[in-house]
Amino acid sequence: MWHADPGQRFRGFWKSSEDHESETDLTLDLHRSNRWSLGSAACPTALSILPVAPEAVLPTPEDDFQRDSEWHFSCPQSHEANGSGTFGVNLVVSHLSSEANAVVIELILSVQTSLLDSEPTLDFQLRSDVPVTARANNAIHTAVIGSQRWSILLGPHDAPFTSNHSTSHDLRLRLFGEFMEKGVIRKARPWLVVQSTGDTATDLDEILQRLTESPLPLTA
């Protein structure tokens, strides 16, 4: 289940199936203009979502609602006098599963702008304690943060259009390109797999195959 805490962060907590005793506790912070973050109790700010263009800022959520395991956020483009808002984002965060040693989260992002042109580029960043890995034709990227292993999985709709700007201990994937015209809507659907480093590594290829075959939710 998801809920908002007094600090304007959003938290999700689930128990896995009755056969397992693992629990999932995630925190999502969308209230900073220069960085959104998603983390766990063990790694509170593991994943950062960052605007790339120098003048770009991340929009603030103005509306949200829950549907089953999904939390939908509407973050419209700002039209303040300083003109700092260059694009808006609709975000859906879904808890897909909690197994014995892996939690799977889906992020669906839709970006659009009312400007004649905009640069909606976003970086997904994970700072790793060990060298990051990338394989499967840019589809599987993994970092180790404290006691957890975080992986970003990209389907065939995203992997060819996502550039890898990672360095040795800094996993950084760039989404949405560098230019978008008014009226265009771009979507990305990355998945996150979170595992304990003390558990046997989950077969990420099998998870990616299963996720790739799943249809895009109609409400996204």
C-alpha atoms as a PDB file:
ATOM      1  CA  MET A   1       0.000   0.000   0.000  1.00  0.00           C
ATOM      2  CA  TRP A   2       1.032   3.605  -0.613  1.00  0.00           C
ATOM      3  CA  HIS A   3       0.585   6.606   1.668  1.00  0.00           C
ATOM      4  CA  ALA A   4       1.882  10.166   2.009  1.00  0.00           C
ATOM      5  CA  ASP A   5       3.825  11.085   5.130  1.00  0.00           C
ATOM      6  CA  PRO A   6       3.825  14.540   6.822  1.00  0.00           C
ATOM      7  CA  GLY A   7       7.100  15.415   5.097  1.00  0.00           C
ATOM      8  CA  GLN A   8       5.357  15.338   1.697  1.00  0.00           C
ATOM      9  CA  ARG A   9       7.135  12.159   0.718  1.00  0.00           C
ATOM     10  CA  PHE A  10       5.292   9.130  -0.596  1.00  0.00           C
ATOM     11  CA  ARG A  11       5.856   5.705   0.913  1.00  0.00           C
ATOM     12  CA  GLY A  12       4.950   2.213  -0.166  1.00  0.00           C
ATOM     13  CA  PHE A  13       4.943  -0.834   2.094  1.00  0.00           C
ATOM     14  CA  TRP A  14       4.111  -4.397   1.102  1.00  0.00           C
ATOM     15  CA  LYS A  15       4.575  -7.924   2.356  1.00  0.00           C
ATOM     16  CA  SER A  16       5.416 -10.635  -0.114  1.00  0.00           C
ATOM     17  CA  SER A  17       3.466 -13.852  -0.525  1.00  0.00           C
ATOM     18  CA  GLU A  18       2.681 -16.009   2.495  1.00  0.00           C
ATOM     19  CA  ASP A  19       5.541 -18.333   1.556  1.00  0.00           C
ATOM     20  CA  HIS A  20       8.090 -15.594   2.265  1.00  0.00           C
ATOM     21  CA  GLU A  21       8.681 -13.171   5.100  1.00  0.00           C
ATOM     22  CA  SER A  22      10.348 -10.378   3.107  1.00  0.00           C
ATOM     23  CA  GLU A  23       8.945  -6.864   3.279  1.00  0.00           C
ATOM     24  CA  THR A  24       9.237  -3.867   0.950  1.00  0.00           C
ATOM     25  CA  ASP A  25       9.482  -0.297   2.220  1.00  0.00           C
ATOM     26  CA  LEU A  26      10.022   2.366  -0.454  1.00  0.00           C
ATOM     27  CA  THR A  27      10.137   6.170  -0.235  1.00  0.00           C
ATOM     28  CA  LEU A  28       9.453   8.514  -3.156  1.00  0.00           C
ATOM     29  CA  ASP A  29      10.327  12.235  -2.959  1.00  0.00           C
ATOM     30  CA  LEU A  30       8.979  14.445  -5.783  1.00  0.00           C
ATOM     31  CA  HIS A  31       9.162  17.830  -4.070  1.00  0.00           C
ATOM     32  CA  ARG A  32      12.601  19.088  -5.093  1.00  0.00           C
ATOM     33  CA  SER A  33      12.995  20.960  -8.368  1.00  0.00           C
ATOM     34  CA  ASN A  34      16.504  19.673  -9.050  1.00  0.00           C
ATOM     35  CA  ARG A  35      16.161  16.005  -8.051  1.00  0.00           C
ATOM     36  CA  TRP A  36      13.470  13.400  -7.547  1.00  0.00           C
ATOM     37  CA  SER A  37      14.468  10.347  -5.553  1.00  0.00           C
ATOM     38  CA  LEU A  38      13.258   6.833  -4.848  1.00  0.00           C
ATOM     39  CA  GLY A  39      14.818   4.658  -2.187  1.00  0.00           C
ATOM     40  CA  SER A  40      14.322   1.977   0.412  1.00  0.00           C
ATOM     41  CA  ALA A  41      14.732   1.818   4.173  1.00  0.00           C
ATOM     42  CA  ALA A  42      18.285   0.547   3.610  1.00  0.00           C
ATOM     43  CA  CYS A  43      19.095   3.073   0.825  1.00  0.00           C
ATOM     44  CA  PRO A  44      16.773   6.094   1.268  1.00  0.00           C
ATOM     45  CA  THR A  45      17.844   7.985  -1.886  1.00  0.00           C
ATOM     46  CA  ALA A  46      19.162   5.173  -4.073  1.00  0.00           C
ATOM     47  CA  LEU A  47      17.677   6.351  -7.386  1.00  0.00           C
ATOM     48  CA  SER A  48      17.844   9.996  -8.467  1.00  0.00           C
ATOM     49  CA  ILE A  49      15.925  11.461 -11.427  1.00  0.00           C
ATOM     50  CA  LEU A  50      17.653  14.645 -12.585  1.00  0.00           C
ATOM     51  CA  PRO A  51      16.937  17.300 -15.233  1.00  0.00           C
ATOM     52  CA  VAL A  52      19.871  17.701 -17.602  1.00  0.00           C
ATOM     53  CA  ALA A  53      19.361  21.060 -19.332  1.00  0.00           C
ATOM     54  CA  PRO A  54      20.887  23.955 -17.312  1.00  0.00           C
ATOM     55  CA  GLU A  55      17.611  25.905 -17.170  1.00  0.00           C
ATOM     56  CA  ALA A  56      15.327  22.921 -16.587  1.00  0.00           C
ATOM     57  CA  VAL A  57      13.543  22.213 -13.309  1.00  0.00           C
ATOM     58  CA  LEU A  58      11.391  19.294 -12.294  1.00  0.00           C
ATOM     59  CA  PRO A  59       7.692  20.144 -11.906  1.00  0.00           C
ATOM     60  CA  THR A  60       5.911  19.734  -8.575  1.00  0.00           C
ATOM     61  CA  PRO A  61       3.012  17.266  -8.151  1.00  0.00           C
ATOM     62  CA  GLU A  62      -0.328  19.061  -8.121  1.00  0.00           C
ATOM     63  CA  ASP A  63      -2.611  16.058  -8.160  1.00  0.00           C
ATOM     64  CA  ASP A  64      -2.288  12.384  -7.328  1.00  0.00           C
ATOM     65  CA  PHE A  65      -4.455   9.328  -6.849  1.00  0.00           C
ATOM     66  CA  GLN A  66      -4.042   5.640  -6.135  1.00  0.00           C
ATOM     67  CA  ARG A  67      -5.371   2.635  -8.005  1.00  0.00           C
ATOM     68  CA  ASP A  68      -4.522  -0.781  -6.558  1.00  0.00           C
ATOM     69  CA  SER A  69      -0.706  -0.946  -6.448  1.00  0.00           C
ATOM     70  CA  GLU A  70      -0.300   2.162  -8.633  1.00  0.00           C
ATOM     71  CA  TRP A  71       0.238   5.758  -7.570  1.00  0.00           C
ATOM     72  CA  HIS A  72      -0.428   8.341 -10.284  1.00  0.00           C
ATOM     73  CA  PHE A  73       1.122  11.818 -10.117  1.00  0.00           C
ATOM     74  CA  SER A  74       0.310  14.813 -12.296  1.00  0.00           C
ATOM     75  CA  CYS A  75       3.217  17.284 -12.358  1.00  0.00           C
ATOM     76  CA  PRO A  76       2.192  20.024 -14.821  1.00  0.00           C
ATOM     77  CA  GLN A  77       4.540  22.461 -16.453  1.00  0.00           C
ATOM     78  CA  SER A  78       5.064  25.605 -14.374  1.00  0.00           C
ATOM     79  CA  HIS A  79       4.022  28.918 -15.924  1.00  0.00           C
ATOM     80  CA  GLU A  80       5.518  31.232 -13.345  1.00  0.00           C
ATOM     81  CA  ALA A  81       6.843  34.650 -14.334  1.00  0.00           C
ATOM     82  CA  ASN A  82      10.445  33.477 -14.287  1.00  0.00           C
ATOM     83  CA  GLY A  83       9.666  30.954 -17.004  1.00  0.00           C
ATOM     84  CA  SER A  84      11.612  28.216 -15.268  1.00  0.00           C
ATOM     85  CA  GLY A  85       9.142  25.467 -16.133  1.00  0.00           C
ATOM     86  CA  THR A  86      10.023  23.957 -19.501  1.00  0.00           C
ATOM     87  CA  PHE A  87       8.041  20.701 -19.419  1.00  0.00           C
ATOM     88  CA  GLY A  88       5.473  18.732 -17.410  1.00  0.00           C
ATOM     89  CA  VAL A  89       5.549  15.101 -16.300  1.00  0.00           C
ATOM     90  CA  ASN A  90       2.894  12.512 -15.591  1.00  0.00           C
ATOM     91  CA  LEU A  91       4.335   9.715 -13.468  1.00  0.00           C
ATOM     92  CA  VAL A  92       2.904   6.318 -12.522  1.00  0.00           C
ATOM     93  CA  VAL A  93       4.773   4.261  -9.916  1.00  0.00           C
ATOM     94  CA  SER A  94       3.616   0.657  -9.631  1.00  0.00           C
ATOM     95  CA  HIS A  95       4.662  -2.121  -7.292  1.00  0.00           C
ATOM     96  CA  LEU A  96       4.575  -5.197  -9.532  1.00  0.00           C
ATOM     97  CA  SER A  97       5.851  -7.905  -7.211  1.00  0.00           C
ATOM     98  CA  SER A  98       7.776  -8.773  -4.054  1.00  0.00           C
ATOM     99  CA  GLU A  99       9.341 -12.187  -4.236  1.00  0.00           C
ATOM    100  CA  ALA A 100      11.676 -13.941  -1.822  1.00  0.00           C
ATOM    101  CA  ASN A 101      14.691 -11.895  -2.880  1.00  0.00           C
ATOM    102  CA  ALA A 102      13.541  -9.302  -5.431  1.00  0.00           C
ATOM    103  CA  VAL A 103      11.188  -6.332  -5.544  1.00  0.00           C
ATOM    104  CA  VAL A 104      10.015  -5.131  -8.968  1.00  0.00           C
ATOM    105  CA  ILE A 105       8.831  -1.541  -9.463  1.00  0.00           C
ATOM    106  CA  GLU A 106       7.562  -0.030 -12.715  1.00  0.00           C
ATOM    107  CA  LEU A 107       7.908   3.670 -13.545  1.00  0.00           C
ATOM    108  CA  ILE A 108       5.921   5.140 -16.433  1.00  0.00           C
ATOM    109  CA  LEU A 109       6.863   8.714 -17.308  1.00  0.00           C
ATOM    110  CA  SER A 110       5.104  10.913 -19.871  1.00  0.00           C
ATOM    111  CA  VAL A 111       6.643  14.299 -20.697  1.00  0.00           C
ATOM    112  CA  GLN A 112       5.194  17.162 -22.717  1.00  0.00           C
ATOM    113  CA  THR A 113       5.663  20.896 -23.152  1.00  0.00           C
ATOM    114  CA  SER A 114       3.626  23.963 -24.125  1.00  0.00           C
ATOM    115  CA  LEU A 115       6.755  25.708 -25.432  1.00  0.00           C
ATOM    116  CA  LEU A 116       7.674  25.772 -29.114  1.00  0.00           C
ATOM    117  CA  ASP A 117      10.706  23.699 -28.193  1.00  0.00           C
ATOM    118  CA  SER A 118      12.043  22.244 -24.970  1.00  0.00           C
ATOM    119  CA  GLU A 119      14.748  19.959 -23.633  1.00  0.00           C
ATOM    120  CA  PRO A 120      13.011  17.410 -21.380  1.00  0.00           C
ATOM    121  CA  THR A 121      16.079  15.207 -20.939  1.00  0.00           C
ATOM    122  CA  LEU A 122      16.147  13.296 -17.638  1.00  0.00           C
ATOM    123  CA  ASP A 123      18.961  11.274 -16.104  1.00  0.00           C
ATOM    124  CA  PHE A 124      18.341   8.183 -13.990  1.00  0.00           C
ATOM    125  CA  GLN A 125      21.287   7.940 -11.580  1.00  0.00           C
ATOM    126  CA  LEU A 126      22.486   5.293  -9.120  1.00  0.00           C
ATOM    127  CA  ARG A 127      25.775   5.819  -7.261  1.00  0.00           C
ATOM    128  CA  SER A 128      27.392   2.409  -6.786  1.00  0.00           C
ATOM    129  CA  ASP A 129      29.834   1.061  -4.194  1.00  0.00           C
ATOM    130  CA  VAL A 130      31.343  -1.210  -6.859  1.00  0.00           C
ATOM    131  CA  PRO A 131      31.814  -0.786 -10.626  1.00  0.00           C
ATOM    132  CA  VAL A 132      28.454  -0.669 -12.387  1.00  0.00           C
ATOM    133  CA  THR A 133      27.549  -3.225 -15.042  1.00  0.00           C
ATOM    134  CA  ALA A 134      25.599  -2.958 -18.294  1.00  0.00           C
ATOM    135  CA  ARG A 135      24.652  -5.797 -20.622  1.00  0.00           C
ATOM    136  CA  ALA A 136      21.949  -7.250 -22.870  1.00  0.00           C
ATOM    137  CA  ASN A 137      22.297  -4.483 -25.480  1.00  0.00           C
ATOM    138  CA  ASN A 138      21.794  -1.617 -23.025  1.00  0.00           C
ATOM    139  CA  ALA A 139      18.781  -3.312 -21.404  1.00  0.00           C
ATOM    140  CA  ILE A 140      20.115  -4.348 -17.962  1.00  0.00           C
ATOM    141  CA  HIS A 141      22.118  -1.998 -15.726  1.00  0.00           C
ATOM    142  CA  THR A 142      23.108  -2.798 -12.129  1.00  0.00           C
ATOM    143  CA  ALA A 143      24.628  -0.928  -9.192  1.00  0.00           C
ATOM    144  CA  VAL A 144      25.357  -2.032  -5.626  1.00  0.00           C
ATOM    145  CA  ILE A 145      24.387   0.411  -2.888  1.00  0.00           C
ATOM    146  CA  GLY A 146      25.089  -0.637   0.681  1.00  0.00           C
ATOM    147  CA  SER A 147      23.354  -3.936   1.327  1.00  0.00           C
ATOM    148  CA  GLN A 148      21.223  -3.808  -1.822  1.00  0.00           C
ATOM    149  CA  ARG A 149      21.615  -4.464  -5.525  1.00  0.00           C
ATOM    150  CA  TRP A 150      19.597  -2.033  -7.702  1.00  0.00           C
ATOM    151  CA  SER A 151      18.995  -2.787 -11.378  1.00  0.00           C
ATOM    152  CA  ILE A 152      17.355  -0.677 -14.082  1.00  0.00           C
ATOM    153  CA  LEU A 153      15.740  -2.730 -16.848  1.00  0.00           C
ATOM    154  CA  LEU A 154      14.810  -1.243 -20.220  1.00  0.00           C
ATOM    155  CA  GLY A 155      12.461  -2.842 -22.716  1.00  0.00           C
ATOM    156  CA  PRO A 156      12.845  -2.687 -26.520  1.00  0.00           C
ATOM    157  CA  HIS A 157      10.721   0.473 -26.552  1.00  0.00           C
ATOM    158  CA  ASP A 158      13.299   2.329 -24.396  1.00  0.00           C
ATOM    159  CA  ALA A 159      16.735   0.696 -24.641  1.00  0.00           C
ATOM    160  CA  PRO A 160      17.548   1.884 -28.207  1.00  0.00           C
ATOM    161  CA  PHE A 161      16.655   5.482 -27.311  1.00  0.00           C
ATOM    162  CA  THR A 162      18.373   5.646 -23.912  1.00  0.00           C
ATOM    163  CA  SER A 163      22.007   6.755 -23.831  1.00  0.00           C
ATOM    164  CA  ASN A 164      24.420   5.392 -21.246  1.00  0.00           C
ATOM    165  CA  HIS A 165      26.494   8.112 -19.544  1.00  0.00           C
ATOM    166  CA  SER A 166      27.755   5.899 -16.711  1.00  0.00           C
ATOM    167  CA  THR A 167      31.221   6.024 -15.242  1.00  0.00           C
ATOM    168  CA  SER A 168      32.890   3.405 -13.048  1.00  0.00           C
ATOM    169  CA  HIS A 169      30.815   3.945  -9.886  1.00  0.00           C
ATOM    170  CA  ASP A 170      28.074   6.189 -11.269  1.00  0.00           C
ATOM    171  CA  LEU A 171      25.239   4.542 -13.191  1.00  0.00           C
ATOM    172  CA  ARG A 172      23.591   7.255 -15.295  1.00  0.00           C
ATOM    173  CA  LEU A 173      21.014   6.629 -18.045  1.00  0.00           C
ATOM    174  CA  ARG A 174      19.667   9.507 -20.142  1.00  0.00           C
ATOM    175  CA  LEU A 175      16.049   9.452 -21.338  1.00  0.00           C
ATOM    176  CA  PHE A 176      13.928  11.501 -23.753  1.00  0.00           C
ATOM    177  CA  GLY A 177      16.643  12.948 -25.976  1.00  0.00           C
ATOM    178  CA  GLU A 178      17.591  16.598 -26.263  1.00  0.00           C
ATOM    179  CA  PHE A 179      14.723  18.242 -28.128  1.00  0.00           C
ATOM    180  CA  MET A 180      10.921  18.107 -28.016  1.00  0.00           C
ATOM    181  CA  GLU A 181       8.368  20.242 -29.827  1.00  0.00           C
ATOM    182  CA  LYS A 182       5.076  21.591 -28.526  1.00  0.00           C
ATOM    183  CA  GLY A 183       2.281  19.022 -28.695  1.00  0.00           C
ATOM    184  CA  VAL A 184       4.579  16.000 -28.621  1.00  0.00           C
ATOM    185  CA  ILE A 185       4.239  13.471 -25.782  1.00  0.00           C
ATOM    186  CA  ARG A 186       7.112  11.127 -25.010  1.00  0.00           C
ATOM    187  CA  LYS A 187       6.867   8.088 -22.758  1.00  0.00           C
ATOM    188  CA  ALA A 188       9.370   5.857 -21.024  1.00  0.00           C
ATOM    189  CA  ARG A 189       8.719   2.687 -19.016  1.00  0.00           C
ATOM    190  CA  PRO A 190      11.818   1.620 -17.063  1.00  0.00           C
ATOM    191  CA  TRP A 191      11.639  -1.063 -14.376  1.00  0.00           C
ATOM    192  CA  LEU A 192      13.563  -1.263 -11.106  1.00  0.00           C
ATOM    193  CA  VAL A 193      14.587  -4.535  -9.469  1.00  0.00           C
ATOM    194  CA  VAL A 194      15.830  -4.281  -5.878  1.00  0.00           C
ATOM    195  CA  GLN A 195      17.609  -7.225  -4.239  1.00  0.00           C
ATOM    196  CA  SER A 196      19.644  -7.857  -1.116  1.00  0.00           C
ATOM    197  CA  THR A 197      23.323  -8.467  -1.787  1.00  0.00           C
ATOM    198  CA  GLY A 198      23.124 -11.319   0.729  1.00  0.00           C
ATOM    199  CA  ASP A 199      20.652 -13.248  -1.449  1.00  0.00           C
ATOM    200  CA  THR A 200      21.294 -15.237  -4.583  1.00  0.00           C
ATOM    201  CA  ALA A 201      21.020 -12.909  -7.561  1.00  0.00           C
ATOM    202  CA  THR A 202      17.688 -13.104  -9.366  1.00  0.00           C
ATOM    203  CA  ASP A 203      17.631 -13.971 -13.076  1.00  0.00           C
ATOM    204  CA  LEU A 204      17.238 -10.466 -14.518  1.00  0.00           C
ATOM    205  CA  ASP A 205      16.980 -11.775 -18.079  1.00  0.00           C
ATOM    206  CA  GLU A 206      13.910 -13.795 -17.125  1.00  0.00           C
ATOM    207  CA  ILE A 207      12.350 -10.825 -15.329  1.00  0.00           C
ATOM    208  CA  LEU A 208      13.036  -8.541 -18.308  1.00  0.00           C
ATOM    209  CA  GLN A 209      11.482 -11.023 -20.706  1.00  0.00           C
ATOM    210  CA  ARG A 210       8.356 -11.276 -18.573  1.00  0.00           C
ATOM    211  CA  LEU A 211       8.055  -7.498 -18.179  1.00  0.00           C
ATOM    212  CA  THR A 212       8.651  -6.844 -21.865  1.00  0.00           C
ATOM    213  CA  GLU A 213       5.751  -9.128 -22.757  1.00  0.00           C
ATOM    214  CA  SER A 214       3.367  -7.306 -20.393  1.00  0.00           C
ATOM    215  CA  PRO A 215       1.074  -4.706 -22.036  1.00  0.00           C
ATOM    216  CA  LEU A 216       1.356  -1.012 -21.278  1.00  0.00           C
ATOM    217  CA  PRO A 217      -1.414  -0.107 -18.776  1.00  0.00           C
ATOM    218  CA  LEU A 218      -4.288   1.720 -20.463  1.00  0.00           C
ATOM    219  CA  THR A 219      -4.269   4.376 -17.731  1.00  0.00           C
ATOM    220  CA  ALA A 220      -0.592   5.279 -18.187  1.00  0.00           C
END
